[in-house]
Amino acid sequence: MTDPQLADLRQTYSQRTLTEADVLPEPVAQFRAWLDEALAARLDEPTAMNLATVDAAGQPAARIVLLKGLPQDEGFLFFTNYDSRKGRELAGSPLAALTFFWPGLERQVRIEGRVEKASDADSTEYFQSRPRSSQIGSWASPQSQPIASREALEQREHEIEAQFAGQEPLPRPPHWGGYLLRPHRVEFWQGRPSRLHDRIVYERTATGQWHLNRLAP
């Protein structure tokens, strides 16, 4: 049975349209154009993306991570702990999906592809560009593992601070680095009235070319 307070919540989308003539030939370039608009609009967390992975039993899991690059328009770069749940799941199944939602622009982008580790050089360069507190946090946190208490985590943070006192920047932990998702399917969604939304999807063919289709909403 539906909850009337939830069932009656609706938003009418009418800001923009999306046609095949509007989009660029390459999906990552088209994404970059939309991201530039999201940045210009000063939306909250425009680089936040839902990353979905799957474990060996087929159980999906999703969480929000931050986009950190679009290298050569080849894919989507993010960083994390390799020993985290997402890291373990990507090691077992390197296929993943990303979703961006920008309600201020009434837009969504859905991306599917294969994930590979970023180079050690790229991972180290980004790690050492982060604030020192974030570098310490990456050393201190056994991400996704059970811990005894918040106090135990903070004690570990203090120990790492003492261990690397006077050292700037910190070395990159061996369990931390980047991933690049190379897409084979990218869908651009523009909200429209009456729930008749515009959906344009790029799919990579066997020859490596991109094919466009319009999807029913």
N, C-alpha and C. Protein backbone atom coordinates (compact mmCIF):
# COMPACT_ATOMS: atom_id res chain seq x y z
N MET A 1 0.85 -1.19 0.00
CA MET A 1 0.00 0.00 0.00
C MET A 1 0.89 1.25 0.00
N THR A 2 0.57 2.20 -0.87
CA THR A 2 1.40 3.40 -0.94
C THR A 2 1.15 4.32 0.24
N ASP A 3 2.12 5.14 0.53
CA ASP A 3 2.01 6.18 1.53
C ASP A 3 1.59 7.46 0.82
N PRO A 4 0.40 8.01 1.12
CA PRO A 4 -0.05 9.20 0.39
C PRO A 4 0.93 10.36 0.43
N GLN A 5 1.66 10.51 1.55
CA GLN A 5 2.64 11.61 1.62
C GLN A 5 3.74 11.44 0.59
N LEU A 6 4.06 10.18 0.29
CA LEU A 6 5.11 9.93 -0.71
C LEU A 6 4.52 9.84 -2.11
N ALA A 7 3.38 9.16 -2.23
CA ALA A 7 2.79 8.95 -3.55
C ALA A 7 2.43 10.25 -4.25
N ASP A 8 2.11 11.27 -3.48
CA ASP A 8 1.68 12.54 -4.08
C ASP A 8 2.83 13.51 -4.34
N LEU A 9 4.05 13.10 -4.02
CA LEU A 9 5.20 13.97 -4.31
C LEU A 9 5.55 13.87 -5.79
N ARG A 10 5.55 14.98 -6.49
CA ARG A 10 5.87 15.01 -7.91
C ARG A 10 6.61 16.30 -8.25
N GLN A 11 7.40 16.22 -9.29
CA GLN A 11 8.09 17.40 -9.81
C GLN A 11 7.83 17.46 -11.31
N THR A 12 7.42 18.58 -11.80
CA THR A 12 7.25 18.76 -13.24
C THR A 12 8.56 19.26 -13.84
N TYR A 13 9.05 18.57 -14.87
CA TYR A 13 10.30 18.94 -15.51
C TYR A 13 10.01 19.65 -16.83
N SER A 14 10.54 20.85 -16.98
CA SER A 14 10.21 21.60 -18.19
C SER A 14 11.29 22.59 -18.61
N GLN A 15 12.48 22.49 -18.03
CA GLN A 15 13.51 23.50 -18.30
C GLN A 15 14.06 23.41 -19.72
N ARG A 16 14.34 22.17 -20.18
CA ARG A 16 15.10 22.00 -21.41
C ARG A 16 14.56 20.83 -22.23
N THR A 17 15.12 20.70 -23.43
CA THR A 17 14.84 19.54 -24.28
C THR A 17 16.17 18.89 -24.64
N LEU A 18 16.11 17.70 -25.20
CA LEU A 18 17.32 17.01 -25.65
C LEU A 18 16.99 16.25 -26.93
N THR A 19 17.65 16.61 -28.02
CA THR A 19 17.45 15.93 -29.29
C THR A 19 18.77 15.34 -29.77
N GLU A 20 18.68 14.49 -30.75
CA GLU A 20 19.88 13.89 -31.33
C GLU A 20 20.80 14.96 -31.91
N ALA A 21 20.22 16.06 -32.38
CA ALA A 21 21.02 17.14 -32.95
C ALA A 21 21.77 17.93 -31.89
N ASP A 22 21.36 17.79 -30.63
CA ASP A 22 21.98 18.57 -29.55
C ASP A 22 23.29 17.97 -29.06
N VAL A 23 23.51 16.67 -29.29
CA VAL A 23 24.60 15.98 -28.62
C VAL A 23 25.83 15.85 -29.51
N LEU A 24 26.99 15.73 -28.86
CA LEU A 24 28.27 15.55 -29.55
C LEU A 24 28.45 14.09 -29.97
N PRO A 25 29.36 13.81 -30.91
CA PRO A 25 29.54 12.43 -31.38
C PRO A 25 30.08 11.47 -30.33
N GLU A 26 30.86 11.99 -29.37
CA GLU A 26 31.49 11.13 -28.36
C GLU A 26 30.82 11.37 -27.01
N PRO A 27 30.47 10.29 -26.29
CA PRO A 27 29.70 10.47 -25.05
C PRO A 27 30.46 11.14 -23.92
N VAL A 28 31.75 10.89 -23.77
CA VAL A 28 32.48 11.54 -22.68
C VAL A 28 32.62 13.03 -22.94
N ALA A 29 32.79 13.41 -24.21
CA ALA A 29 32.81 14.82 -24.55
C ALA A 29 31.45 15.46 -24.27
N GLN A 30 30.38 14.75 -24.58
CA GLN A 30 29.04 15.25 -24.27
C GLN A 30 28.84 15.36 -22.76
N PHE A 31 29.35 14.38 -22.02
CA PHE A 31 29.26 14.46 -20.56
C PHE A 31 30.01 15.69 -20.05
N ARG A 32 31.19 15.93 -20.59
CA ARG A 32 31.98 17.08 -20.14
C ARG A 32 31.19 18.38 -20.37
N ALA A 33 30.50 18.47 -21.49
CA ALA A 33 29.70 19.66 -21.77
C ALA A 33 28.60 19.83 -20.73
N TRP A 34 27.92 18.73 -20.38
CA TRP A 34 26.88 18.82 -19.36
C TRP A 34 27.47 19.12 -17.98
N LEU A 35 28.63 18.52 -17.67
CA LEU A 35 29.26 18.80 -16.39
C LEU A 35 29.65 20.27 -16.29
N ASP A 36 30.15 20.84 -17.37
CA ASP A 36 30.49 22.27 -17.37
C ASP A 36 29.26 23.11 -17.04
N GLU A 37 28.10 22.72 -17.56
CA GLU A 37 26.87 23.45 -17.25
C GLU A 37 26.50 23.28 -15.77
N ALA A 38 26.69 22.08 -15.24
CA ALA A 38 26.40 21.84 -13.82
C ALA A 38 27.32 22.66 -12.93
N LEU A 39 28.60 22.77 -13.32
CA LEU A 39 29.54 23.58 -12.55
C LEU A 39 29.18 25.06 -12.64
N ALA A 40 28.81 25.51 -13.84
CA ALA A 40 28.46 26.92 -14.02
C ALA A 40 27.21 27.28 -13.23
N ALA A 41 26.31 26.30 -13.07
CA ALA A 41 25.07 26.54 -12.32
C ALA A 41 25.30 26.48 -10.81
N ARG A 42 26.52 26.15 -10.39
CA ARG A 42 26.88 26.07 -8.97
C ARG A 42 25.97 25.11 -8.21
N LEU A 43 25.71 23.96 -8.82
CA LEU A 43 24.92 22.94 -8.15
C LEU A 43 25.72 22.35 -7.00
N ASP A 44 25.03 21.85 -5.99
CA ASP A 44 25.70 21.16 -4.89
C ASP A 44 26.30 19.85 -5.40
N GLU A 45 27.56 19.63 -5.08
CA GLU A 45 28.27 18.37 -5.40
C GLU A 45 28.02 17.89 -6.83
N PRO A 46 28.35 18.69 -7.84
CA PRO A 46 28.08 18.27 -9.22
C PRO A 46 28.90 17.07 -9.67
N THR A 47 30.01 16.77 -8.98
CA THR A 47 30.83 15.62 -9.36
C THR A 47 30.48 14.36 -8.58
N ALA A 48 29.46 14.43 -7.72
CA ALA A 48 29.05 13.24 -6.96
C ALA A 48 28.36 12.26 -7.90
N MET A 49 28.74 10.99 -7.80
CA MET A 49 28.17 9.96 -8.67
C MET A 49 27.93 8.69 -7.88
N ASN A 50 26.86 8.02 -8.20
CA ASN A 50 26.55 6.73 -7.61
C ASN A 50 27.33 5.66 -8.35
N LEU A 51 28.16 4.94 -7.63
CA LEU A 51 28.95 3.85 -8.20
C LEU A 51 28.33 2.52 -7.77
N ALA A 52 27.91 1.72 -8.74
CA ALA A 52 27.31 0.42 -8.46
C ALA A 52 28.27 -0.69 -8.88
N THR A 53 28.49 -1.64 -7.96
CA THR A 53 29.32 -2.81 -8.23
C THR A 53 28.53 -4.05 -7.86
N VAL A 54 29.11 -5.22 -8.12
CA VAL A 54 28.41 -6.46 -7.81
C VAL A 54 29.41 -7.45 -7.23
N ASP A 55 28.95 -8.28 -6.26
CA ASP A 55 29.86 -9.25 -5.66
C ASP A 55 29.75 -10.60 -6.37
N ALA A 56 30.48 -11.59 -5.88
CA ALA A 56 30.54 -12.89 -6.55
C ALA A 56 29.20 -13.60 -6.56
N ALA A 57 28.33 -13.28 -5.61
CA ALA A 57 27.01 -13.90 -5.56
C ALA A 57 25.97 -13.14 -6.37
N GLY A 58 26.38 -12.06 -7.01
CA GLY A 58 25.46 -11.27 -7.80
C GLY A 58 24.74 -10.18 -7.03
N GLN A 59 25.13 -9.97 -5.77
CA GLN A 59 24.51 -8.93 -4.96
C GLN A 59 25.07 -7.56 -5.33
N PRO A 60 24.24 -6.65 -5.84
CA PRO A 60 24.74 -5.32 -6.16
C PRO A 60 24.88 -4.46 -4.92
N ALA A 61 25.78 -3.51 -4.99
CA ALA A 61 25.96 -2.52 -3.93
C ALA A 61 26.23 -1.18 -4.59
N ALA A 62 25.76 -0.10 -3.97
CA ALA A 62 25.94 1.23 -4.54
C ALA A 62 26.34 2.21 -3.45
N ARG A 63 27.10 3.22 -3.85
CA ARG A 63 27.54 4.26 -2.92
C ARG A 63 27.94 5.49 -3.73
N ILE A 64 28.01 6.63 -3.07
CA ILE A 64 28.39 7.87 -3.74
C ILE A 64 29.90 8.08 -3.63
N VAL A 65 30.53 8.32 -4.77
CA VAL A 65 31.94 8.70 -4.82
C VAL A 65 32.04 9.97 -5.67
N LEU A 66 33.23 10.55 -5.74
CA LEU A 66 33.41 11.80 -6.48
C LEU A 66 34.24 11.59 -7.73
N LEU A 67 33.77 12.12 -8.82
CA LEU A 67 34.52 12.11 -10.07
C LEU A 67 35.73 13.02 -9.93
N LYS A 68 36.91 12.52 -10.36
CA LYS A 68 38.13 13.32 -10.24
C LYS A 68 38.84 13.56 -11.57
N GLY A 69 38.29 13.06 -12.66
CA GLY A 69 38.92 13.33 -13.94
C GLY A 69 38.20 12.64 -15.08
N LEU A 70 38.46 13.18 -16.29
CA LEU A 70 37.94 12.60 -17.54
C LEU A 70 39.12 12.51 -18.51
N PRO A 71 40.13 11.70 -18.21
CA PRO A 71 41.37 11.73 -18.97
C PRO A 71 41.18 11.43 -20.45
N GLN A 72 41.61 12.37 -21.28
CA GLN A 72 41.52 12.26 -22.75
C GLN A 72 40.12 11.87 -23.22
N ASP A 73 39.11 12.20 -22.42
CA ASP A 73 37.73 11.85 -22.75
C ASP A 73 37.56 10.34 -22.99
N GLU A 74 38.41 9.54 -22.31
CA GLU A 74 38.34 8.08 -22.47
C GLU A 74 37.53 7.41 -21.38
N GLY A 75 37.33 8.08 -20.25
CA GLY A 75 36.62 7.43 -19.16
C GLY A 75 36.49 8.35 -17.96
N PHE A 76 36.03 7.73 -16.86
CA PHE A 76 35.66 8.44 -15.65
C PHE A 76 36.58 7.97 -14.52
N LEU A 77 37.31 8.91 -13.92
CA LEU A 77 38.35 8.60 -12.95
C LEU A 77 37.87 8.89 -11.53
N PHE A 78 38.07 7.92 -10.63
CA PHE A 78 37.78 8.14 -9.22
C PHE A 78 38.82 7.39 -8.39
N PHE A 79 38.86 7.72 -7.08
CA PHE A 79 39.88 7.15 -6.19
C PHE A 79 39.23 6.58 -4.95
N THR A 80 39.87 5.53 -4.41
CA THR A 80 39.31 4.90 -3.22
C THR A 80 40.34 3.95 -2.61
N ASN A 81 39.91 3.28 -1.55
CA ASN A 81 40.72 2.24 -0.90
C ASN A 81 40.52 0.93 -1.66
N TYR A 82 41.60 0.34 -2.16
CA TYR A 82 41.48 -0.91 -2.91
C TYR A 82 40.94 -2.06 -2.06
N ASP A 83 41.10 -1.97 -0.74
CA ASP A 83 40.63 -3.04 0.14
C ASP A 83 39.20 -2.82 0.63
N SER A 84 38.56 -1.73 0.20
CA SER A 84 37.18 -1.48 0.58
C SER A 84 36.26 -2.47 -0.11
N ARG A 85 34.99 -2.45 0.26
CA ARG A 85 34.04 -3.37 -0.39
C ARG A 85 34.00 -3.14 -1.90
N LYS A 86 33.95 -1.89 -2.32
CA LYS A 86 33.91 -1.64 -3.76
C LYS A 86 35.19 -2.09 -4.44
N GLY A 87 36.33 -1.90 -3.76
CA GLY A 87 37.59 -2.35 -4.33
C GLY A 87 37.64 -3.85 -4.49
N ARG A 88 37.18 -4.58 -3.47
CA ARG A 88 37.15 -6.04 -3.56
C ARG A 88 36.20 -6.51 -4.65
N GLU A 89 35.04 -5.84 -4.75
CA GLU A 89 34.08 -6.25 -5.76
C GLU A 89 34.58 -5.95 -7.17
N LEU A 90 35.27 -4.82 -7.34
CA LEU A 90 35.84 -4.52 -8.66
C LEU A 90 36.96 -5.48 -9.03
N ALA A 91 37.68 -5.97 -8.04
CA ALA A 91 38.72 -6.96 -8.31
C ALA A 91 38.10 -8.26 -8.81
N GLY A 92 36.92 -8.60 -8.28
CA GLY A 92 36.25 -9.84 -8.70
C GLY A 92 35.45 -9.70 -9.96
N SER A 93 34.88 -8.52 -10.19
CA SER A 93 34.07 -8.26 -11.38
C SER A 93 34.30 -6.82 -11.79
N PRO A 94 35.09 -6.58 -12.83
CA PRO A 94 35.48 -5.21 -13.17
C PRO A 94 34.42 -4.42 -13.94
N LEU A 95 33.20 -4.93 -14.03
CA LEU A 95 32.12 -4.18 -14.66
C LEU A 95 31.38 -3.37 -13.59
N ALA A 96 31.06 -2.12 -13.92
CA ALA A 96 30.42 -1.24 -12.94
C ALA A 96 29.54 -0.24 -13.66
N ALA A 97 28.74 0.49 -12.88
CA ALA A 97 27.87 1.53 -13.42
C ALA A 97 27.97 2.78 -12.56
N LEU A 98 27.82 3.92 -13.22
CA LEU A 98 27.82 5.22 -12.56
C LEU A 98 26.51 5.95 -12.89
N THR A 99 26.02 6.73 -11.95
CA THR A 99 24.86 7.59 -12.21
C THR A 99 25.11 8.96 -11.62
N PHE A 100 24.91 9.98 -12.43
CA PHE A 100 24.91 11.37 -11.98
C PHE A 100 23.48 11.88 -12.02
N PHE A 101 23.06 12.63 -11.01
CA PHE A 101 21.74 13.26 -11.00
C PHE A 101 21.91 14.71 -10.63
N TRP A 102 21.48 15.58 -11.53
CA TRP A 102 21.56 17.02 -11.32
C TRP A 102 20.14 17.59 -11.34
N PRO A 103 19.42 17.52 -10.21
CA PRO A 103 18.03 17.98 -10.21
C PRO A 103 17.88 19.44 -10.57
N GLY A 104 18.88 20.27 -10.28
CA GLY A 104 18.80 21.68 -10.63
C GLY A 104 18.72 21.93 -12.12
N LEU A 105 19.22 20.97 -12.91
CA LEU A 105 19.14 21.05 -14.37
C LEU A 105 18.17 20.03 -14.95
N GLU A 106 17.51 19.27 -14.05
CA GLU A 106 16.56 18.23 -14.46
C GLU A 106 17.23 17.21 -15.39
N ARG A 107 18.45 16.77 -14.98
CA ARG A 107 19.24 15.88 -15.83
C ARG A 107 19.79 14.71 -15.04
N GLN A 108 19.97 13.62 -15.77
CA GLN A 108 20.60 12.42 -15.22
C GLN A 108 21.49 11.84 -16.31
N VAL A 109 22.63 11.27 -15.89
CA VAL A 109 23.51 10.55 -16.82
C VAL A 109 23.80 9.18 -16.22
N ARG A 110 23.60 8.15 -17.01
CA ARG A 110 23.86 6.77 -16.58
C ARG A 110 24.97 6.20 -17.46
N ILE A 111 25.96 5.58 -16.81
CA ILE A 111 27.17 5.11 -17.49
C ILE A 111 27.44 3.67 -17.09
N GLU A 112 27.74 2.82 -18.07
CA GLU A 112 28.12 1.44 -17.80
C GLU A 112 29.44 1.16 -18.52
N GLY A 113 30.31 0.39 -17.86
CA GLY A 113 31.58 0.10 -18.50
C GLY A 113 32.46 -0.82 -17.69
N ARG A 114 33.67 -0.95 -18.17
CA ARG A 114 34.69 -1.80 -17.53
C ARG A 114 35.68 -0.92 -16.79
N VAL A 115 36.05 -1.36 -15.59
CA VAL A 115 36.91 -0.57 -14.72
C VAL A 115 38.31 -1.17 -14.68
N GLU A 116 39.31 -0.30 -14.72
CA GLU A 116 40.70 -0.72 -14.57
C GLU A 116 41.38 0.22 -13.58
N LYS A 117 42.44 -0.25 -12.97
CA LYS A 117 43.17 0.60 -12.04
C LYS A 117 43.92 1.69 -12.80
N ALA A 118 43.94 2.88 -12.21
CA ALA A 118 44.75 3.96 -12.75
C ALA A 118 46.23 3.65 -12.54
N SER A 119 47.09 4.35 -13.23
CA SER A 119 48.53 4.13 -13.07
C SER A 119 48.97 4.53 -11.68
N ASP A 120 50.07 3.93 -11.22
CA ASP A 120 50.63 4.31 -9.92
C ASP A 120 51.00 5.79 -9.90
N ALA A 121 51.51 6.29 -11.02
CA ALA A 121 51.93 7.69 -11.06
C ALA A 121 50.72 8.61 -10.89
N ASP A 122 49.62 8.30 -11.57
CA ASP A 122 48.43 9.14 -11.45
C ASP A 122 47.84 9.06 -10.04
N SER A 123 47.85 7.85 -9.48
CA SER A 123 47.30 7.68 -8.13
C SER A 123 48.13 8.44 -7.10
N THR A 124 49.45 8.36 -7.22
CA THR A 124 50.32 9.07 -6.28
C THR A 124 50.19 10.58 -6.44
N GLU A 125 50.15 11.05 -7.68
CA GLU A 125 50.03 12.49 -7.91
C GLU A 125 48.75 13.03 -7.27
N TYR A 126 47.63 12.32 -7.46
CA TYR A 126 46.39 12.82 -6.87
C TYR A 126 46.42 12.69 -5.34
N PHE A 127 46.89 11.57 -4.83
CA PHE A 127 46.93 11.38 -3.38
C PHE A 127 47.70 12.50 -2.71
N GLN A 128 48.84 12.86 -3.27
CA GLN A 128 49.69 13.86 -2.63
C GLN A 128 49.22 15.29 -2.88
N SER A 129 48.18 15.45 -3.73
CA SER A 129 47.57 16.76 -3.91
C SER A 129 46.43 17.00 -2.91
N ARG A 130 46.02 15.96 -2.20
CA ARG A 130 44.91 16.08 -1.26
C ARG A 130 45.35 16.80 0.01
N PRO A 131 44.40 17.35 0.77
CA PRO A 131 44.77 17.93 2.06
C PRO A 131 45.47 16.91 2.95
N ARG A 132 46.38 17.37 3.78
CA ARG A 132 47.12 16.45 4.64
C ARG A 132 46.17 15.61 5.50
N SER A 133 45.09 16.22 5.99
CA SER A 133 44.16 15.46 6.82
C SER A 133 43.55 14.30 6.06
N SER A 134 43.28 14.49 4.77
CA SER A 134 42.73 13.41 3.95
C SER A 134 43.77 12.32 3.71
N GLN A 135 45.03 12.74 3.53
CA GLN A 135 46.09 11.75 3.37
C GLN A 135 46.20 10.89 4.63
N ILE A 136 46.16 11.52 5.78
CA ILE A 136 46.24 10.78 7.05
C ILE A 136 45.04 9.85 7.19
N GLY A 137 43.85 10.35 6.83
CA GLY A 137 42.66 9.53 6.92
C GLY A 137 42.74 8.28 6.07
N SER A 138 43.35 8.39 4.89
CA SER A 138 43.48 7.22 4.02
C SER A 138 44.40 6.16 4.62
N TRP A 139 45.43 6.59 5.34
CA TRP A 139 46.29 5.65 6.05
C TRP A 139 45.59 5.06 7.27
N ALA A 140 44.78 5.85 7.94
CA ALA A 140 44.22 5.44 9.23
C ALA A 140 43.02 4.52 9.11
N SER A 141 42.24 4.67 8.05
CA SER A 141 40.96 3.97 7.96
C SER A 141 41.06 2.65 7.21
N PRO A 142 40.73 1.53 7.86
CA PRO A 142 40.60 0.25 7.15
C PRO A 142 39.22 0.17 6.51
N GLN A 143 39.03 0.91 5.46
CA GLN A 143 37.69 1.17 4.91
C GLN A 143 36.87 -0.09 4.70
N SER A 144 35.62 -0.04 5.13
CA SER A 144 34.61 -1.11 5.02
C SER A 144 34.81 -2.24 6.03
N GLN A 145 35.88 -2.19 6.84
CA GLN A 145 36.11 -3.23 7.83
C GLN A 145 35.48 -2.83 9.17
N PRO A 146 35.00 -3.81 9.96
CA PRO A 146 34.48 -3.48 11.29
C PRO A 146 35.58 -2.88 12.17
N ILE A 147 35.21 -1.89 12.98
CA ILE A 147 36.15 -1.29 13.93
C ILE A 147 35.52 -1.27 15.31
N ALA A 148 36.36 -1.21 16.32
CA ALA A 148 35.86 -1.32 17.70
C ALA A 148 35.02 -0.13 18.11
N SER A 149 35.43 1.07 17.67
CA SER A 149 34.73 2.28 18.12
C SER A 149 35.25 3.47 17.35
N ARG A 150 34.55 4.59 17.47
CA ARG A 150 35.02 5.84 16.90
C ARG A 150 36.34 6.24 17.56
N GLU A 151 36.44 6.00 18.85
CA GLU A 151 37.66 6.36 19.58
C GLU A 151 38.86 5.59 19.05
N ALA A 152 38.65 4.33 18.69
CA ALA A 152 39.75 3.53 18.15
C ALA A 152 40.23 4.09 16.81
N LEU A 153 39.28 4.55 16.01
CA LEU A 153 39.64 5.14 14.72
C LEU A 153 40.43 6.43 14.93
N GLU A 154 39.97 7.26 15.85
CA GLU A 154 40.67 8.51 16.11
C GLU A 154 42.05 8.28 16.71
N GLN A 155 42.18 7.23 17.53
CA GLN A 155 43.49 6.89 18.07
C GLN A 155 44.44 6.49 16.95
N ARG A 156 43.91 5.74 15.98
CA ARG A 156 44.73 5.35 14.84
C ARG A 156 45.14 6.58 14.02
N GLU A 157 44.24 7.54 13.90
CA GLU A 157 44.56 8.79 13.22
C GLU A 157 45.72 9.50 13.92
N HIS A 158 45.68 9.57 15.25
CA HIS A 158 46.76 10.22 16.00
C HIS A 158 48.09 9.48 15.80
N GLU A 159 48.03 8.16 15.76
CA GLU A 159 49.24 7.37 15.55
C GLU A 159 49.86 7.66 14.18
N ILE A 160 49.00 7.77 13.15
CA ILE A 160 49.50 8.07 11.81
C ILE A 160 50.09 9.48 11.77
N GLU A 161 49.43 10.41 12.43
CA GLU A 161 49.97 11.77 12.50
C GLU A 161 51.37 11.78 13.11
N ALA A 162 51.55 11.00 14.18
CA ALA A 162 52.85 10.93 14.83
C ALA A 162 53.88 10.23 13.94
N GLN A 163 53.44 9.19 13.25
CA GLN A 163 54.34 8.42 12.39
C GLN A 163 54.92 9.29 11.27
N PHE A 164 54.09 10.17 10.72
CA PHE A 164 54.52 10.98 9.58
C PHE A 164 54.76 12.45 9.97
N ALA A 165 55.00 12.69 11.23
CA ALA A 165 55.24 14.06 11.69
C ALA A 165 56.41 14.68 10.92
N GLY A 166 56.17 15.87 10.38
CA GLY A 166 57.22 16.58 9.65
C GLY A 166 57.40 16.14 8.23
N GLN A 167 56.64 15.15 7.79
CA GLN A 167 56.76 14.66 6.42
C GLN A 167 55.64 15.24 5.57
N GLU A 168 56.00 15.83 4.45
CA GLU A 168 55.01 16.50 3.59
C GLU A 168 55.46 16.39 2.14
N PRO A 169 54.69 15.79 1.24
CA PRO A 169 53.42 15.09 1.52
C PRO A 169 53.70 13.68 2.03
N LEU A 170 52.63 12.99 2.42
CA LEU A 170 52.77 11.61 2.86
C LEU A 170 52.94 10.70 1.64
N PRO A 171 53.60 9.56 1.82
CA PRO A 171 53.62 8.58 0.74
C PRO A 171 52.21 8.00 0.54
N ARG A 172 51.93 7.56 -0.66
CA ARG A 172 50.62 6.97 -0.92
C ARG A 172 50.56 5.57 -0.34
N PRO A 173 49.47 5.24 0.38
CA PRO A 173 49.34 3.88 0.91
C PRO A 173 49.24 2.87 -0.24
N PRO A 174 49.80 1.69 -0.09
CA PRO A 174 49.72 0.70 -1.17
C PRO A 174 48.30 0.22 -1.43
N HIS A 175 47.40 0.43 -0.45
CA HIS A 175 46.02 -0.03 -0.60
C HIS A 175 45.10 1.06 -1.14
N TRP A 176 45.63 2.15 -1.64
CA TRP A 176 44.81 3.29 -2.05
C TRP A 176 45.21 3.75 -3.44
N GLY A 177 44.22 4.05 -4.29
CA GLY A 177 44.55 4.54 -5.63
C GLY A 177 43.31 4.76 -6.48
N GLY A 178 43.56 4.92 -7.76
CA GLY A 178 42.49 5.30 -8.67
C GLY A 178 41.97 4.17 -9.52
N TYR A 179 40.77 4.41 -10.05
CA TYR A 179 40.15 3.53 -11.03
C TYR A 179 39.66 4.38 -12.19
N LEU A 180 39.73 3.82 -13.39
CA LEU A 180 39.18 4.45 -14.58
C LEU A 180 38.09 3.55 -15.14
N LEU A 181 36.87 4.08 -15.22
CA LEU A 181 35.78 3.35 -15.86
C LEU A 181 35.73 3.76 -17.33
N ARG A 182 35.98 2.81 -18.21
CA ARG A 182 35.90 3.04 -19.66
C ARG A 182 34.49 2.64 -20.11
N PRO A 183 33.68 3.58 -20.59
CA PRO A 183 32.29 3.26 -20.84
C PRO A 183 32.06 2.50 -22.14
N HIS A 184 31.03 1.65 -22.12
CA HIS A 184 30.52 1.08 -23.37
C HIS A 184 29.05 1.45 -23.58
N ARG A 185 28.46 2.11 -22.59
CA ARG A 185 27.08 2.58 -22.73
C ARG A 185 26.91 3.83 -21.86
N VAL A 186 26.39 4.91 -22.46
CA VAL A 186 26.17 6.15 -21.74
C VAL A 186 24.81 6.70 -22.15
N GLU A 187 23.96 6.95 -21.16
CA GLU A 187 22.63 7.50 -21.44
C GLU A 187 22.48 8.89 -20.83
N PHE A 188 21.98 9.82 -21.63
CA PHE A 188 21.69 11.18 -21.20
C PHE A 188 20.18 11.35 -21.10
N TRP A 189 19.72 11.79 -19.94
CA TRP A 189 18.29 11.92 -19.63
C TRP A 189 17.98 13.36 -19.30
N GLN A 190 17.01 13.91 -20.01
CA GLN A 190 16.55 15.26 -19.75
C GLN A 190 15.08 15.22 -19.37
N GLY A 191 14.76 15.72 -18.18
CA GLY A 191 13.38 15.71 -17.73
C GLY A 191 12.48 16.54 -18.63
N ARG A 192 11.27 16.02 -18.89
CA ARG A 192 10.28 16.71 -19.72
C ARG A 192 8.91 16.59 -19.07
N PRO A 193 7.96 17.42 -19.46
CA PRO A 193 6.61 17.35 -18.89
C PRO A 193 5.93 16.02 -19.17
N SER A 194 4.96 15.68 -18.32
CA SER A 194 4.12 14.48 -18.46
C SER A 194 4.93 13.19 -18.39
N ARG A 195 6.09 13.27 -17.83
CA ARG A 195 6.99 12.11 -17.71
C ARG A 195 7.43 11.56 -19.08
N LEU A 196 7.27 12.36 -20.13
CA LEU A 196 7.74 11.97 -21.47
C LEU A 196 9.15 12.52 -21.66
N HIS A 197 10.06 12.00 -20.85
CA HIS A 197 11.43 12.51 -20.80
C HIS A 197 12.19 12.19 -22.08
N ASP A 198 13.21 12.99 -22.35
CA ASP A 198 14.13 12.72 -23.45
C ASP A 198 15.26 11.82 -22.96
N ARG A 199 15.53 10.76 -23.70
CA ARG A 199 16.62 9.83 -23.37
C ARG A 199 17.41 9.52 -24.64
N ILE A 200 18.67 9.90 -24.65
CA ILE A 200 19.57 9.60 -25.76
C ILE A 200 20.68 8.70 -25.23
N VAL A 201 20.87 7.55 -25.87
CA VAL A 201 21.87 6.59 -25.40
C VAL A 201 22.93 6.36 -26.46
N TYR A 202 24.19 6.33 -26.01
CA TYR A 202 25.33 5.94 -26.85
C TYR A 202 25.70 4.51 -26.48
N GLU A 203 25.91 3.67 -27.48
CA GLU A 203 26.39 2.31 -27.24
C GLU A 203 27.56 2.03 -28.18
N ARG A 204 28.63 1.47 -27.59
CA ARG A 204 29.82 1.19 -28.40
C ARG A 204 29.62 -0.09 -29.19
N THR A 205 29.91 -0.04 -30.48
CA THR A 205 29.76 -1.21 -31.34
C THR A 205 31.00 -2.09 -31.27
N ALA A 206 30.93 -3.24 -31.92
CA ALA A 206 32.05 -4.18 -31.93
C ALA A 206 33.28 -3.58 -32.59
N THR A 207 33.09 -2.59 -33.46
CA THR A 207 34.22 -1.95 -34.13
C THR A 207 34.74 -0.74 -33.36
N GLY A 208 34.15 -0.47 -32.19
CA GLY A 208 34.63 0.63 -31.37
C GLY A 208 33.97 1.96 -31.65
N GLN A 209 33.02 2.00 -32.57
CA GLN A 209 32.32 3.23 -32.87
C GLN A 209 31.15 3.41 -31.89
N TRP A 210 30.65 4.64 -31.84
CA TRP A 210 29.50 4.93 -30.98
C TRP A 210 28.23 5.04 -31.81
N HIS A 211 27.19 4.34 -31.39
CA HIS A 211 25.89 4.35 -32.06
C HIS A 211 24.87 5.01 -31.13
N LEU A 212 24.06 5.93 -31.67
CA LEU A 212 23.07 6.65 -30.88
C LEU A 212 21.65 6.12 -31.13
N ASN A 213 20.89 6.06 -30.07
CA ASN A 213 19.48 5.75 -30.15
C ASN A 213 18.71 6.66 -29.21
N ARG A 214 17.44 6.89 -29.55
CA ARG A 214 16.51 7.53 -28.61
C ARG A 214 15.72 6.41 -27.95
N LEU A 215 15.56 6.50 -26.62
CA LEU A 215 14.82 5.51 -25.87
C LEU A 215 13.49 6.09 -25.41
N ALA A 216 12.48 5.24 -25.32
CA ALA A 216 11.21 5.66 -24.74
C ALA A 216 11.40 5.94 -23.27
N PRO A 217 10.69 6.94 -22.73
CA PRO A 217 10.86 7.28 -21.32
C PRO A 217 10.20 6.25 -20.40
